[in-house]
């Protein structure tokens, strides 16, 4: 999870994509909302959303892994 600022301790995750969806680098996959700010979480790479490590609406701490993105064409539940 990216930093939301010096005083932010974390935020709620609102997923915009589902497991199995194809994502493009720079595409918003979730919105993270703290008491002070809401920010888009963009995919860092092209690929497939393999796993959401935080449930929709769940709370995430700074530095926490939010999702796993696999290579393009990979199916969730498979290993590389």
Protein backbone atom coordinates (compact mmCIF):
# COMPACT_ATOMS: atom_id res chain seq x y z
CA UNK A 1 0.00 0.00 0.00
CA UNK A 2 1.36 3.42 -0.89
CA UNK A 3 1.87 6.12 1.69
CA UNK A 4 -1.14 8.38 2.11
CA UNK A 5 0.84 11.11 3.82
CA UNK A 6 2.80 11.62 7.02
CA UNK A 7 -0.15 11.40 9.40
CA UNK A 8 -2.17 8.69 7.62
CA UNK A 9 -2.11 5.32 9.35
CA UNK A 10 -3.87 3.38 6.60
CA UNK A 11 -7.10 3.27 4.66
CA UNK A 12 -10.04 1.30 3.36
CA UNK A 13 -9.66 -0.42 -0.01
CA UNK A 14 -12.44 -0.15 -2.62
CA UNK A 15 -11.58 -2.54 -5.46
CA UNK A 16 -12.38 -1.40 -9.00
CA UNK A 17 -11.29 -4.71 -10.56
CA UNK A 18 -11.94 -8.37 -9.76
CA UNK A 19 -9.65 -11.41 -9.61
CA UNK A 20 -9.10 -12.63 -13.16
CA UNK A 21 -9.46 -9.19 -14.73
CA UNK A 22 -6.80 -8.03 -17.18
CA UNK A 23 -5.15 -4.81 -16.03
CA UNK A 24 -2.94 -2.32 -17.82
CA UNK A 25 -0.05 -0.37 -16.39
CA UNK A 26 -1.41 2.90 -14.97
CA UNK A 27 -5.03 1.65 -14.83
CA UNK A 28 -6.86 2.21 -11.54
CA UNK A 29 -7.43 -1.12 -9.79
CA UNK A 30 -8.59 0.23 -6.41
CA UNK A 31 -9.30 3.40 -4.47
CA UNK A 32 -7.74 3.69 -1.02
CA UNK A 33 -9.54 6.05 1.33
CA UNK A 34 -8.29 7.37 4.66
CA UNK A 35 -9.92 9.91 6.96
CA UNK A 36 -8.12 12.69 5.08
CA UNK A 37 -7.63 11.57 1.48
CA UNK A 38 -8.79 9.18 -1.24
CA UNK A 39 -6.26 8.07 -3.81
CA UNK A 40 -6.35 5.85 -6.85
CA UNK A 41 -4.14 2.78 -6.73
CA UNK A 42 -2.86 2.15 -10.25
CA UNK A 43 -1.48 -1.09 -11.60
CA UNK A 44 2.31 -0.92 -11.82
CA UNK A 45 2.39 -3.41 -14.73
CA UNK A 46 0.30 -5.02 -17.48
CA UNK A 47 -1.09 -8.39 -16.40
CA UNK A 48 -3.90 -10.25 -14.66
CA UNK A 49 -5.19 -9.55 -11.14
CA UNK A 50 -4.39 -12.88 -9.49
CA UNK A 51 -5.21 -12.18 -5.85
CA UNK A 52 -6.61 -9.43 -3.65
CA UNK A 53 -4.70 -9.59 -0.37
CA UNK A 54 -7.14 -7.19 1.34
CA UNK A 55 -10.91 -7.72 1.08
CA UNK A 56 -13.11 -5.15 -0.63
CA UNK A 57 -13.86 -2.54 2.01
CA UNK A 58 -11.07 -3.91 4.20
CA UNK A 59 -8.48 -1.80 5.99
CA UNK A 60 -4.85 -1.79 4.85
CA UNK A 61 -1.79 -0.46 6.66
CA UNK A 62 1.00 1.47 4.89
CA UNK A 63 3.43 -0.97 3.26
CA UNK A 64 0.93 -3.85 3.23
CA UNK A 65 0.68 -5.91 0.02
CA UNK A 66 -2.72 -5.26 -1.52
CA UNK A 67 -2.71 -7.43 -4.63
CA UNK A 68 -0.78 -9.90 -6.75
CA UNK A 69 -0.63 -9.26 -10.49
CA UNK A 70 0.53 -12.07 -12.74
CA UNK A 71 1.84 -12.00 -16.30
CA UNK A 72 -0.63 -11.31 -19.12
CA UNK A 73 -2.59 -14.42 -20.06
CA UNK A 74 -2.12 -16.13 -16.67
CA UNK A 75 -5.21 -17.64 -15.06
CA UNK A 76 -5.85 -17.16 -11.32
CA UNK A 77 -5.13 -20.28 -9.31
CA UNK A 78 -2.22 -21.35 -11.54
CA UNK A 79 1.42 -21.15 -10.61
CA UNK A 80 4.19 -19.94 -12.84
